[in-house]
Amino acid sequence: MALFCRGVPRLLAVAIVIAGFCTLSPQALSRGPNLCLWRSLFHLAACPACGSMRALAAFFHGQWGDALAYNRNVLITAPGLILLAAKDVFCLLLNALAQVGKQRKKTAGKRKRKSSNEP
């Protein structure tokens, strides 16, 4: 399984992010403080990423028109998050199936040896 930061499974980190965007409404994020470092440091009117959090929250609430109005990058970031989570779940399932297959081979090998040793 892919690890994120300091051994945290990436699937856990992505699931927490997606759950957060599903829980928080875009309106709740609009009322918060402006956390954009680019706007603060360079006194820009807006940076290319401004509105991304509200856009992702709107996307995961099914408000696709609002999501595009907040930031068009949501067309890449939201499906990217979903695909990343799906890839990690798929890899987790493949690993689990591989473990089951190994266990079956072990038990089949033990049964075969046991039956061949009996007269």
PDB file of N, CA and C in Angstrom:
ATOM      1  N   MET A   1       0.847  -1.175   0.000  1.00  0.00           N
ATOM      2  CA  MET A   1       0.000   0.000   0.000  1.00  0.00           C
ATOM      3  C   MET A   1       0.887   1.231   0.000  1.00  0.00           C
ATOM      4  N   ALA A   2       0.490   2.210  -0.751  1.00  0.00           N
ATOM      5  CA  ALA A   2       1.262   3.443  -0.829  1.00  0.00           C
ATOM      6  C   ALA A   2       1.163   4.201   0.490  1.00  0.00           C
ATOM      7  N   LEU A   3       2.310   4.707   0.915  1.00  0.00           N
ATOM      8  CA  LEU A   3       2.343   5.481   2.152  1.00  0.00           C
ATOM      9  C   LEU A   3       2.427   6.953   1.824  1.00  0.00           C
ATOM     10  N   PHE A   4       1.811   7.741   2.655  1.00  0.00           N
ATOM     11  CA  PHE A   4       1.753   9.179   2.432  1.00  0.00           C
ATOM     12  C   PHE A   4       2.897   9.844   3.185  1.00  0.00           C
ATOM     13  N   CYS A   5       2.682  10.269   4.357  1.00  0.00           N
ATOM     14  CA  CYS A   5       3.673  10.998   5.144  1.00  0.00           C
ATOM     15  C   CYS A   5       3.884  10.274   6.463  1.00  0.00           C
ATOM     16  N   ARG A   6       5.128   9.933   6.746  1.00  0.00           N
ATOM     17  CA  ARG A   6       5.493   9.278   8.001  1.00  0.00           C
ATOM     18  C   ARG A   6       4.732   7.975   8.218  1.00  0.00           C
ATOM     19  N   GLY A   7       4.553   7.230   7.159  1.00  0.00           N
ATOM     20  CA  GLY A   7       3.958   5.916   7.281  1.00  0.00           C
ATOM     21  C   GLY A   7       2.440   5.888   7.321  1.00  0.00           C
ATOM     22  N   VAL A   8       1.778   7.023   7.104  1.00  0.00           N
ATOM     23  CA  VAL A   8       0.318   7.037   7.083  1.00  0.00           C
ATOM     24  C   VAL A   8      -0.133   6.498   5.729  1.00  0.00           C
ATOM     25  N   PRO A   9      -1.019   5.518   5.702  1.00  0.00           N
ATOM     26  CA  PRO A   9      -1.499   5.016   4.412  1.00  0.00           C
ATOM     27  C   PRO A   9      -2.175   6.131   3.616  1.00  0.00           C
ATOM     28  N   ARG A  10      -1.838   6.206   2.342  1.00  0.00           N
ATOM     29  CA  ARG A  10      -2.384   7.268   1.490  1.00  0.00           C
ATOM     30  C   ARG A  10      -3.895   7.172   1.404  1.00  0.00           C
ATOM     31  N   LEU A  11      -4.428   5.955   1.398  1.00  0.00           N
ATOM     32  CA  LEU A  11      -5.876   5.779   1.325  1.00  0.00           C
ATOM     33  C   LEU A  11      -6.559   6.452   2.511  1.00  0.00           C
ATOM     34  N   LEU A  12      -5.969   6.339   3.691  1.00  0.00           N
ATOM     35  CA  LEU A  12      -6.539   6.984   4.878  1.00  0.00           C
ATOM     36  C   LEU A  12      -6.532   8.502   4.722  1.00  0.00           C
ATOM     37  N   ALA A  13      -5.424   9.053   4.239  1.00  0.00           N
ATOM     38  CA  ALA A  13      -5.331  10.502   4.059  1.00  0.00           C
ATOM     39  C   ALA A  13      -6.341  10.996   3.020  1.00  0.00           C
ATOM     40  N   VAL A  14      -6.453  10.292   1.902  1.00  0.00           N
ATOM     41  CA  VAL A  14      -7.395  10.693   0.855  1.00  0.00           C
ATOM     42  C   VAL A  14      -8.837  10.540   1.346  1.00  0.00           C
ATOM     43  N   ALA A  15      -9.123   9.486   2.087  1.00  0.00           N
ATOM     44  CA  ALA A  15     -10.478   9.286   2.612  1.00  0.00           C
ATOM     45  C   ALA A  15     -10.860  10.396   3.585  1.00  0.00           C
ATOM     46  N   ILE A  16      -9.924  10.827   4.414  1.00  0.00           N
ATOM     47  CA  ILE A  16     -10.202  11.922   5.351  1.00  0.00           C
ATOM     48  C   ILE A  16     -10.466  13.217   4.594  1.00  0.00           C
ATOM     49  N   VAL A  17      -9.679  13.483   3.558  1.00  0.00           N
ATOM     50  CA  VAL A  17      -9.873  14.698   2.756  1.00  0.00           C
ATOM     51  C   VAL A  17     -11.235  14.674   2.074  1.00  0.00           C
ATOM     52  N   ILE A  18     -11.572  13.550   1.442  1.00  0.00           N
ATOM     53  CA  ILE A  18     -12.864  13.457   0.756  1.00  0.00           C
ATOM     54  C   ILE A  18     -14.014  13.564   1.750  1.00  0.00           C
ATOM     55  N   ALA A  19     -13.886  12.913   2.908  1.00  0.00           N
ATOM     56  CA  ALA A  19     -14.936  13.010   3.937  1.00  0.00           C
ATOM     57  C   ALA A  19     -15.091  14.446   4.420  1.00  0.00           C
ATOM     58  N   GLY A  20     -13.984  15.145   4.550  1.00  0.00           N
ATOM     59  CA  GLY A  20     -14.048  16.556   4.963  1.00  0.00           C
ATOM     60  C   GLY A  20     -14.788  17.398   3.950  1.00  0.00           C
ATOM     61  N   PHE A  21     -14.497  17.195   2.654  1.00  0.00           N
ATOM     62  CA  PHE A  21     -15.187  17.958   1.625  1.00  0.00           C
ATOM     63  C   PHE A  21     -16.655  17.568   1.519  1.00  0.00           C
ATOM     64  N   CYS A  22     -16.979  16.318   1.827  1.00  0.00           N
ATOM     65  CA  CYS A  22     -18.387  15.900   1.825  1.00  0.00           C
ATOM     66  C   CYS A  22     -19.135  16.465   3.027  1.00  0.00           C
ATOM     67  N   THR A  23     -18.421  16.705   4.109  1.00  0.00           N
ATOM     68  CA  THR A  23     -19.047  17.194   5.334  1.00  0.00           C
ATOM     69  C   THR A  23     -19.220  18.713   5.329  1.00  0.00           C
ATOM     70  N   LEU A  24     -18.168  19.421   4.957  1.00  0.00           N
ATOM     71  CA  LEU A  24     -18.211  20.887   4.970  1.00  0.00           C
ATOM     72  C   LEU A  24     -18.869  21.408   3.701  1.00  0.00           C
ATOM     73  N   SER A  25     -19.765  22.345   3.869  1.00  0.00           N
ATOM     74  CA  SER A  25     -20.405  22.944   2.698  1.00  0.00           C
ATOM     75  C   SER A  25     -19.508  24.051   2.139  1.00  0.00           C
ATOM     76  N   PRO A  26     -19.650  24.360   0.861  1.00  0.00           N
ATOM     77  CA  PRO A  26     -18.844  25.439   0.290  1.00  0.00           C
ATOM     78  C   PRO A  26     -19.134  26.790   0.955  1.00  0.00           C
ATOM     79  N   GLN A  27     -20.362  26.960   1.406  1.00  0.00           N
ATOM     80  CA  GLN A  27     -20.718  28.213   2.085  1.00  0.00           C
ATOM     81  C   GLN A  27     -19.982  28.342   3.411  1.00  0.00           C
ATOM     82  N   ALA A  28     -19.808  27.228   4.114  1.00  0.00           N
ATOM     83  CA  ALA A  28     -19.064  27.259   5.376  1.00  0.00           C
ATOM     84  C   ALA A  28     -17.606  27.619   5.125  1.00  0.00           C
ATOM     85  N   LEU A  29     -17.048  27.111   4.038  1.00  0.00           N
ATOM     86  CA  LEU A  29     -15.663  27.443   3.707  1.00  0.00           C
ATOM     87  C   LEU A  29     -15.526  28.892   3.247  1.00  0.00           C
ATOM     88  N   SER A  30     -16.574  29.458   2.659  1.00  0.00           N
ATOM     89  CA  SER A  30     -16.536  30.857   2.207  1.00  0.00           C
ATOM     90  C   SER A  30     -16.490  31.821   3.382  1.00  0.00           C
ATOM     91  N   ARG A  31     -17.077  31.418   4.493  1.00  0.00           N
ATOM     92  CA  ARG A  31     -17.120  32.302   5.666  1.00  0.00           C
ATOM     93  C   ARG A  31     -15.804  32.319   6.437  1.00  0.00           C
ATOM     94  N   GLY A  32     -14.910  31.382   6.145  1.00  0.00           N
ATOM     95  CA  GLY A  32     -13.659  31.280   6.877  1.00  0.00           C
ATOM     96  C   GLY A  32     -12.662  32.346   6.448  1.00  0.00           C
ATOM     97  N   PRO A  33     -11.521  32.374   7.120  1.00  0.00           N
ATOM     98  CA  PRO A  33     -10.492  33.363   6.766  1.00  0.00           C
ATOM     99  C   PRO A  33      -9.824  33.025   5.434  1.00  0.00           C
ATOM    100  N   ASN A  34      -9.213  34.017   4.824  1.00  0.00           N
ATOM    101  CA  ASN A  34      -8.485  33.819   3.580  1.00  0.00           C
ATOM    102  C   ASN A  34      -7.116  33.240   3.905  1.00  0.00           C
ATOM    103  N   LEU A  35      -6.865  32.016   3.495  1.00  0.00           N
ATOM    104  CA  LEU A  35      -5.619  31.322   3.827  1.00  0.00           C
ATOM    105  C   LEU A  35      -4.657  31.235   2.652  1.00  0.00           C
ATOM    106  N   CYS A  36      -4.898  31.935   1.580  1.00  0.00           N
ATOM    107  CA  CYS A  36      -4.074  31.838   0.385  1.00  0.00           C
ATOM    108  C   CYS A  36      -2.727  32.527   0.611  1.00  0.00           C
ATOM    109  N   LEU A  37      -1.661  31.731   0.618  1.00  0.00           N
ATOM    110  CA  LEU A  37      -0.318  32.289   0.813  1.00  0.00           C
ATOM    111  C   LEU A  37       0.126  33.134  -0.374  1.00  0.00           C
ATOM    112  N   TRP A  38      -0.241  32.729  -1.584  1.00  0.00           N
ATOM    113  CA  TRP A  38       0.156  33.485  -2.765  1.00  0.00           C
ATOM    114  C   TRP A  38      -0.436  34.886  -2.743  1.00  0.00           C
ATOM    115  N   ARG A  39      -1.697  34.992  -2.366  1.00  0.00           N
ATOM    116  CA  ARG A  39      -2.326  36.316  -2.300  1.00  0.00           C
ATOM    117  C   ARG A  39      -1.698  37.166  -1.203  1.00  0.00           C
ATOM    118  N   SER A  40      -1.354  36.529  -0.091  1.00  0.00           N
ATOM    119  CA  SER A  40      -0.756  37.267   1.020  1.00  0.00           C
ATOM    120  C   SER A  40       0.664  37.707   0.704  1.00  0.00           C
ATOM    121  N   LEU A  41       1.459  36.823   0.142  1.00  0.00           N
ATOM    122  CA  LEU A  41       2.866  37.140  -0.125  1.00  0.00           C
ATOM    123  C   LEU A  41       3.070  38.068  -1.314  1.00  0.00           C
ATOM    124  N   PHE A  42       2.327  37.843  -2.386  1.00  0.00           N
ATOM    125  CA  PHE A  42       2.568  38.595  -3.615  1.00  0.00           C
ATOM    126  C   PHE A  42       1.490  39.627  -3.921  1.00  0.00           C
ATOM    127  N   HIS A  43       0.521  39.780  -3.043  1.00  0.00           N
ATOM    128  CA  HIS A  43      -0.565  40.767  -3.185  1.00  0.00           C
ATOM    129  C   HIS A  43      -1.273  40.624  -4.537  1.00  0.00           C
ATOM    130  N   LEU A  44      -1.569  39.367  -4.867  1.00  0.00           N
ATOM    131  CA  LEU A  44      -2.295  39.069  -6.095  1.00  0.00           C
ATOM    132  C   LEU A  44      -3.791  39.209  -5.870  1.00  0.00           C
ATOM    133  N   ALA A  45      -4.507  39.516  -6.925  1.00  0.00           N
ATOM    134  CA  ALA A  45      -5.973  39.574  -6.823  1.00  0.00           C
ATOM    135  C   ALA A  45      -6.520  38.164  -6.605  1.00  0.00           C
ATOM    136  N   ALA A  46      -5.964  37.212  -7.313  1.00  0.00           N
ATOM    137  CA  ALA A  46      -6.356  35.805  -7.153  1.00  0.00           C
ATOM    138  C   ALA A  46      -5.260  34.937  -7.760  1.00  0.00           C
ATOM    139  N   CYS A  47      -5.008  33.836  -7.129  1.00  0.00           N
ATOM    140  CA  CYS A  47      -4.026  32.898  -7.678  1.00  0.00           C
ATOM    141  C   CYS A  47      -4.784  31.787  -8.409  1.00  0.00           C
ATOM    142  N   PRO A  48      -4.088  30.971  -9.191  1.00  0.00           N
ATOM    143  CA  PRO A  48      -4.790  29.909  -9.932  1.00  0.00           C
ATOM    144  C   PRO A  48      -5.494  28.892  -9.041  1.00  0.00           C
ATOM    145  N   ALA A  49      -5.083  28.769  -7.808  1.00  0.00           N
ATOM    146  CA  ALA A  49      -5.687  27.778  -6.919  1.00  0.00           C
ATOM    147  C   ALA A  49      -6.769  28.372  -6.017  1.00  0.00           C
ATOM    148  N   CYS A  50      -6.944  29.670  -6.040  1.00  0.00           N
ATOM    149  CA  CYS A  50      -7.963  30.277  -5.168  1.00  0.00           C
ATOM    150  C   CYS A  50      -9.348  29.726  -5.499  1.00  0.00           C
ATOM    151  N   GLY A  51     -10.059  29.321  -4.484  1.00  0.00           N
ATOM    152  CA  GLY A  51     -11.391  28.756  -4.650  1.00  0.00           C
ATOM    153  C   GLY A  51     -11.394  27.249  -4.791  1.00  0.00           C
ATOM    154  N   SER A  52     -10.228  26.624  -4.761  1.00  0.00           N
ATOM    155  CA  SER A  52     -10.168  25.173  -4.957  1.00  0.00           C
ATOM    156  C   SER A  52     -10.866  24.409  -3.843  1.00  0.00           C
ATOM    157  N   MET A  53     -10.699  24.847  -2.607  1.00  0.00           N
ATOM    158  CA  MET A  53     -11.356  24.137  -1.500  1.00  0.00           C
ATOM    159  C   MET A  53     -12.867  24.259  -1.612  1.00  0.00           C
ATOM    160  N   ARG A  54     -13.351  25.450  -1.907  1.00  0.00           N
ATOM    161  CA  ARG A  54     -14.804  25.623  -2.072  1.00  0.00           C
ATOM    162  C   ARG A  54     -15.291  24.825  -3.279  1.00  0.00           C
ATOM    163  N   ALA A  55     -14.480  24.793  -4.346  1.00  0.00           N
ATOM    164  CA  ALA A  55     -14.864  24.047  -5.549  1.00  0.00           C
ATOM    165  C   ALA A  55     -14.956  22.550  -5.255  1.00  0.00           C
ATOM    166  N   LEU A  56     -13.992  22.020  -4.509  1.00  0.00           N
ATOM    167  CA  LEU A  56     -14.038  20.599  -4.162  1.00  0.00           C
ATOM    168  C   LEU A  56     -15.217  20.289  -3.247  1.00  0.00           C
ATOM    169  N   ALA A  57     -15.488  21.179  -2.291  1.00  0.00           N
ATOM    170  CA  ALA A  57     -16.643  20.965  -1.413  1.00  0.00           C
ATOM    171  C   ALA A  57     -17.936  20.987  -2.224  1.00  0.00           C
ATOM    172  N   ALA A  58     -18.053  21.940  -3.155  1.00  0.00           N
ATOM    173  CA  ALA A  58     -19.257  22.008  -3.994  1.00  0.00           C
ATOM    174  C   ALA A  58     -19.366  20.762  -4.875  1.00  0.00           C
ATOM    175  N   PHE A  59     -18.247  20.304  -5.418  1.00  0.00           N
ATOM    176  CA  PHE A  59     -18.250  19.105  -6.259  1.00  0.00           C
ATOM    177  C   PHE A  59     -18.763  17.907  -5.485  1.00  0.00           C
ATOM    178  N   PHE A  60     -18.252  17.702  -4.275  1.00  0.00           N
ATOM    179  CA  PHE A  60     -18.650  16.534  -3.495  1.00  0.00           C
ATOM    180  C   PHE A  60     -20.036  16.690  -2.864  1.00  0.00           C
ATOM    181  N   HIS A  61     -20.620  17.868  -2.971  1.00  0.00           N
ATOM    182  CA  HIS A  61     -22.018  18.063  -2.572  1.00  0.00           C
ATOM    183  C   HIS A  61     -22.947  18.009  -3.781  1.00  0.00           C
ATOM    184  N   GLY A  62     -22.394  17.736  -4.954  1.00  0.00           N
ATOM    185  CA  GLY A  62     -23.215  17.620  -6.157  1.00  0.00           C
ATOM    186  C   GLY A  62     -23.579  18.948  -6.784  1.00  0.00           C
ATOM    187  N   GLN A  63     -22.933  20.020  -6.386  1.00  0.00           N
ATOM    188  CA  GLN A  63     -23.196  21.354  -6.941  1.00  0.00           C
ATOM    189  C   GLN A  63     -22.132  21.651  -8.001  1.00  0.00           C
ATOM    190  N   TRP A  64     -22.249  20.976  -9.158  1.00  0.00           N
ATOM    191  CA  TRP A  64     -21.182  21.029 -10.156  1.00  0.00           C
ATOM    192  C   TRP A  64     -21.062  22.401 -10.802  1.00  0.00           C
ATOM    193  N   GLY A  65     -22.150  23.097 -10.995  1.00  0.00           N
ATOM    194  CA  GLY A  65     -22.088  24.446 -11.566  1.00  0.00           C
ATOM    195  C   GLY A  65     -21.344  25.397 -10.639  1.00  0.00           C
ATOM    196  N   ASP A  66     -21.658  25.314  -9.351  1.00  0.00           N
ATOM    197  CA  ASP A  66     -20.954  26.145  -8.373  1.00  0.00           C
ATOM    198  C   ASP A  66     -19.481  25.764  -8.292  1.00  0.00           C
ATOM    199  N   ALA A  67     -19.200  24.471  -8.389  1.00  0.00           N
ATOM    200  CA  ALA A  67     -17.811  24.018  -8.327  1.00  0.00           C
ATOM    201  C   ALA A  67     -17.003  24.625  -9.465  1.00  0.00           C
ATOM    202  N   LEU A  68     -17.559  24.619 -10.660  1.00  0.00           N
ATOM    203  CA  LEU A  68     -16.859  25.220 -11.797  1.00  0.00           C
ATOM    204  C   LEU A  68     -16.739  26.728 -11.655  1.00  0.00           C
ATOM    205  N   ALA A  69     -17.729  27.366 -11.029  1.00  0.00           N
ATOM    206  CA  ALA A  69     -17.658  28.812 -10.832  1.00  0.00           C
ATOM    207  C   ALA A  69     -16.574  29.184  -9.812  1.00  0.00           C
ATOM    208  N   TYR A  70     -16.383  28.357  -8.796  1.00  0.00           N
ATOM    209  CA  TYR A  70     -15.351  28.637  -7.798  1.00  0.00           C
ATOM    210  C   TYR A  70     -13.950  28.483  -8.398  1.00  0.00           C
ATOM    211  N   ASN A  71     -13.707  27.377  -9.102  1.00  0.00           N
ATOM    212  CA  ASN A  71     -12.395  27.158  -9.711  1.00  0.00           C
ATOM    213  C   ASN A  71     -12.505  26.008 -10.708  1.00  0.00           C
ATOM    214  N   ARG A  72     -12.060  26.242 -11.912  1.00  0.00           N
ATOM    215  CA  ARG A  72     -12.153  25.218 -12.960  1.00  0.00           C
ATOM    216  C   ARG A  72     -11.147  24.086 -12.762  1.00  0.00           C
ATOM    217  N   ASN A  73     -10.188  24.259 -11.890  1.00  0.00           N
ATOM    218  CA  ASN A  73      -9.236  23.174 -11.596  1.00  0.00           C
ATOM    219  C   ASN A  73      -9.930  21.962 -10.995  1.00  0.00           C
ATOM    220  N   VAL A  74     -11.157  22.144 -10.537  1.00  0.00           N
ATOM    221  CA  VAL A  74     -11.902  21.038  -9.935  1.00  0.00           C
ATOM    222  C   VAL A  74     -12.150  19.929 -10.955  1.00  0.00           C
ATOM    223  N   LEU A  75     -12.106  20.265 -12.243  1.00  0.00           N
ATOM    224  CA  LEU A  75     -12.269  19.250 -13.279  1.00  0.00           C
ATOM    225  C   LEU A  75     -11.137  18.228 -13.251  1.00  0.00           C
ATOM    226  N   ILE A  76      -9.987  18.611 -12.712  1.00  0.00           N
ATOM    227  CA  ILE A  76      -8.842  17.709 -12.613  1.00  0.00           C
ATOM    228  C   ILE A  76      -8.682  17.178 -11.193  1.00  0.00           C
ATOM    229  N   THR A  77      -8.816  18.055 -10.195  1.00  0.00           N
ATOM    230  CA  THR A  77      -8.513  17.652  -8.823  1.00  0.00           C
ATOM    231  C   THR A  77      -9.540  16.690  -8.237  1.00  0.00           C
ATOM    232  N   ALA A  78     -10.819  16.917  -8.450  1.00  0.00           N
ATOM    233  CA  ALA A  78     -11.841  16.034  -7.868  1.00  0.00           C
ATOM    234  C   ALA A  78     -11.775  14.619  -8.454  1.00  0.00           C
ATOM    235  N   PRO A  79     -11.772  14.474  -9.788  1.00  0.00           N
ATOM    236  CA  PRO A  79     -11.612  13.116 -10.317  1.00  0.00           C
ATOM    237  C   PRO A  79     -10.269  12.502  -9.924  1.00  0.00           C
ATOM    238  N   GLY A  80      -9.241  13.341  -9.783  1.00  0.00           N
ATOM    239  CA  GLY A  80      -7.939  12.832  -9.349  1.00  0.00           C
ATOM    240  C   GLY A  80      -7.996  12.231  -7.963  1.00  0.00           C
ATOM    241  N   LEU A  81      -8.677  12.911  -7.043  1.00  0.00           N
ATOM    242  CA  LEU A  81      -8.837  12.379  -5.687  1.00  0.00           C
ATOM    243  C   LEU A  81      -9.625  11.072  -5.705  1.00  0.00           C
ATOM    244  N   ILE A  82     -10.676  11.048  -6.492  1.00  0.00           N
ATOM    245  CA  ILE A  82     -11.507   9.841  -6.571  1.00  0.00           C
ATOM    246  C   ILE A  82     -10.708   8.683  -7.167  1.00  0.00           C
ATOM    247  N   LEU A  83      -9.965   8.948  -8.242  1.00  0.00           N
ATOM    248  CA  LEU A  83      -9.163   7.892  -8.864  1.00  0.00           C
ATOM    249  C   LEU A  83      -8.045   7.408  -7.949  1.00  0.00           C
ATOM    250  N   LEU A  84      -7.448   8.327  -7.198  1.00  0.00           N
ATOM    251  CA  LEU A  84      -6.398   7.940  -6.260  1.00  0.00           C
ATOM    252  C   LEU A  84      -6.955   7.019  -5.179  1.00  0.00           C
ATOM    253  N   ALA A  85      -8.125   7.366  -4.649  1.00  0.00           N
ATOM    254  CA  ALA A  85      -8.759   6.514  -3.635  1.00  0.00           C
ATOM    255  C   ALA A  85      -9.146   5.164  -4.236  1.00  0.00           C
ATOM    256  N   ALA A  86      -9.703   5.178  -5.454  1.00  0.00           N
ATOM    257  CA  ALA A  86     -10.109   3.929  -6.103  1.00  0.00           C
ATOM    258  C   ALA A  86      -8.893   3.040  -6.382  1.00  0.00           C
ATOM    259  N   LYS A  87      -7.786   3.639  -6.807  1.00  0.00           N
ATOM    260  CA  LYS A  87      -6.568   2.876  -7.071  1.00  0.00           C
ATOM    261  C   LYS A  87      -6.061   2.219  -5.792  1.00  0.00           C
ATOM    262  N   ASP A  88      -6.064   2.966  -4.693  1.00  0.00           N
ATOM    263  CA  ASP A  88      -5.592   2.407  -3.429  1.00  0.00           C
ATOM    264  C   ASP A  88      -6.504   1.300  -2.921  1.00  0.00           C
ATOM    265  N   VAL A  89      -7.810   1.457  -3.087  1.00  0.00           N
ATOM    266  CA  VAL A  89      -8.750   0.401  -2.686  1.00  0.00           C
ATOM    267  C   VAL A  89      -8.530  -0.840  -3.549  1.00  0.00           C
ATOM    268  N   PHE A  90      -8.338  -0.647  -4.848  1.00  0.00           N
ATOM    269  CA  PHE A  90      -8.093  -1.766  -5.751  1.00  0.00           C
ATOM    270  C   PHE A  90      -6.813  -2.509  -5.366  1.00  0.00           C
ATOM    271  N   CYS A  91      -5.748  -1.758  -5.075  1.00  0.00           N
ATOM    272  CA  CYS A  91      -4.482  -2.387  -4.665  1.00  0.00           C
ATOM    273  C   CYS A  91      -4.644  -3.119  -3.340  1.00  0.00           C
ATOM    274  N   LEU A  92      -5.415  -2.558  -2.430  1.00  0.00           N
ATOM    275  CA  LEU A  92      -5.673  -3.202  -1.142  1.00  0.00           C
ATOM    276  C   LEU A  92      -6.418  -4.518  -1.340  1.00  0.00           C
ATOM    277  N   LEU A  93      -7.407  -4.513  -2.229  1.00  0.00           N
ATOM    278  CA  LEU A  93      -8.156  -5.739  -2.522  1.00  0.00           C
ATOM    279  C   LEU A  93      -7.275  -6.780  -3.204  1.00  0.00           C
ATOM    280  N   LEU A  94      -6.425  -6.348  -4.125  1.00  0.00           N
ATOM    281  CA  LEU A  94      -5.515  -7.291  -4.780  1.00  0.00           C
ATOM    282  C   LEU A  94      -4.564  -7.930  -3.774  1.00  0.00           C
ATOM    283  N   ASN A  95      -4.039  -7.135  -2.857  1.00  0.00           N
ATOM    284  CA  ASN A  95      -3.156  -7.675  -1.823  1.00  0.00           C
ATOM    285  C   ASN A  95      -3.891  -8.664  -0.927  1.00  0.00           C
ATOM    286  N   ALA A  96      -5.137  -8.340  -0.583  1.00  0.00           N
ATOM    287  CA  ALA A  96      -5.925  -9.246   0.259  1.00  0.00           C
ATOM    288  C   ALA A  96      -6.192 -10.559  -0.475  1.00  0.00           C
ATOM    289  N   LEU A  97      -6.522 -10.479  -1.763  1.00  0.00           N
ATOM    290  CA  LEU A  97      -6.752 -11.694  -2.546  1.00  0.00           C
ATOM    291  C   LEU A  97      -5.474 -12.515  -2.697  1.00  0.00           C
ATOM    292  N   ALA A  98      -4.346 -11.842  -2.827  1.00  0.00           N
ATOM    293  CA  ALA A  98      -3.071 -12.555  -2.921  1.00  0.00           C
ATOM    294  C   ALA A  98      -2.777 -13.296  -1.617  1.00  0.00           C
ATOM    295  N   GLN A  99      -3.083 -12.671  -0.488  1.00  0.00           N
ATOM    296  CA  GLN A  99      -2.878 -13.325   0.806  1.00  0.00           C
ATOM    297  C   GLN A  99      -3.772 -14.550   0.947  1.00  0.00           C
ATOM    298  N   VAL A 100      -5.017 -14.426   0.504  1.00  0.00           N
ATOM    299  CA  VAL A 100      -5.941 -15.564   0.560  1.00  0.00           C
ATOM    300  C   VAL A 100      -5.419 -16.692  -0.323  1.00  0.00           C
ATOM    301  N   GLY A 101      -4.919 -16.350  -1.515  1.00  0.00           N
ATOM    302  CA  GLY A 101      -4.363 -17.361  -2.404  1.00  0.00           C
ATOM    303  C   GLY A 101      -3.168 -18.067  -1.795  1.00  0.00           C
ATOM    304  N   LYS A 102      -2.305 -17.340  -1.119  1.00  0.00           N
ATOM    305  CA  LYS A 102      -1.147 -17.952  -0.453  1.00  0.00           C
ATOM    306  C   LYS A 102      -1.596 -18.903   0.649  1.00  0.00           C
ATOM    307  N   GLN A 103      -2.593 -18.496   1.418  1.00  0.00           N
ATOM    308  CA  GLN A 103      -3.105 -19.343   2.491  1.00  0.00           C
ATOM    309  C   GLN A 103      -3.701 -20.633   1.922  1.00  0.00           C
ATOM    310  N   ARG A 104      -4.423 -20.521   0.814  1.00  0.00           N
ATOM    311  CA  ARG A 104      -5.021 -21.712   0.197  1.00  0.00           C
ATOM    312  C   ARG A 104      -3.951 -22.656  -0.304  1.00  0.00           C
ATOM    313  N   LYS A 105      -2.885 -22.104  -0.886  1.00  0.00           N
ATOM    314  CA  LYS A 105      -1.801 -22.958  -1.369  1.00  0.00           C
ATOM    315  C   LYS A 105      -1.121 -23.678  -0.221  1.00  0.00           C
ATOM    316  N   LYS A 106      -0.942 -22.973   0.897  1.00  0.00           N
ATOM    317  CA  LYS A 106      -0.321 -23.595   2.075  1.00  0.00           C
ATOM    318  C   LYS A 106      -1.168 -24.744   2.593  1.00  0.00           C
ATOM    319  N   THR A 107      -2.459 -24.494   2.750  1.00  0.00           N
ATOM    320  CA  THR A 107      -3.328 -25.541   3.289  1.00  0.00           C
ATOM    321  C   THR A 107      -3.467 -26.697   2.310  1.00  0.00           C
ATOM    322  N   ALA A 108      -3.493 -26.421   1.004  1.00  0.00           N
ATOM    323  CA  ALA A 108      -3.576 -27.490   0.009  1.00  0.00           C
ATOM    324  C   ALA A 108      -2.293 -28.321   0.028  1.00  0.00           C
ATOM    325  N   GLY A 109      -1.157 -27.664   0.176  1.00  0.00           N
ATOM    326  CA  GLY A 109       0.114 -28.374   0.258  1.00  0.00           C
ATOM    327  C   GLY A 109       0.191 -29.248   1.492  1.00  0.00           C
ATOM    328  N   LYS A 110      -0.297 -28.772   2.612  1.00  0.00           N
ATOM    329  CA  LYS A 110      -0.302 -29.556   3.849  1.00  0.00           C
ATOM    330  C   LYS A 110      -1.209 -30.770   3.706  1.00  0.00           C
ATOM    331  N   ARG A 111      -2.379 -30.588   3.097  1.00  0.00           N
ATOM    332  CA  ARG A 111      -3.308 -31.700   2.902  1.00  0.00           C
ATOM    333  C   ARG A 111      -2.707 -32.751   1.978  1.00  0.00           C
ATOM    334  N   LYS A 112      -2.020 -32.290   0.940  1.00  0.00           N
ATOM    335  CA  LYS A 112      -1.438 -33.210  -0.020  1.00  0.00           C
ATOM    336  C   LYS A 112      -0.324 -34.028   0.631  1.00  0.00           C
ATOM    337  N   ARG A 113       0.523 -33.358   1.412  1.00  0.00           N
ATOM    338  CA  ARG A 113       1.601 -34.069   2.111  1.00  0.00           C
ATOM    339  C   ARG A 113       1.037 -35.047   3.122  1.00  0.00           C
ATOM    340  N   LYS A 114      -0.034 -34.627   3.804  1.00  0.00           N
ATOM    341  CA  LYS A 114      -0.650 -35.475   4.820  1.00  0.00           C
ATOM    342  C   LYS A 114      -1.269 -36.715   4.186  1.00  0.00           C
ATOM    343  N   SER A 115      -1.932 -36.527   3.053  1.00  0.00           N
ATOM    344  CA  SER A 115      -2.563 -37.676   2.393  1.00  0.00           C
ATOM    345  C   SER A 115      -1.534 -38.595   1.748  1.00  0.00           C
ATOM    346  N   SER A 116      -0.412 -38.066   1.300  1.00  0.00           N
ATOM    347  CA  SER A 116       0.609 -38.929   0.695  1.00  0.00           C
ATOM    348  C   SER A 116       1.390 -39.709   1.745  1.00  0.00           C
ATOM    349  N   ASN A 117       1.458 -39.222   2.969  1.00  0.00           N
ATOM    350  CA  ASN A 117       2.161 -39.921   4.051  1.00  0.00           C
ATOM    351  C   ASN A 117       1.331 -41.056   4.621  1.00  0.00           C
ATOM    352  N   GLU A 118       0.022 -41.017   4.460  1.00  0.00           N
ATOM    353  CA  GLU A 118      -0.842 -42.081   5.000  1.00  0.00           C
ATOM    354  C   GLU A 118      -0.795 -43.294   4.079  1.00  0.00           C
ATOM    355  N   PRO A 119      -0.756 -44.510   4.676  1.00  0.00           N
ATOM    356  CA  PRO A 119      -0.688 -45.740   3.841  1.00  0.00           C
ATOM    357  C   PRO A 119      -1.999 -46.067   3.166  1.00  0.00           C
TER     358      PRO A 119
END
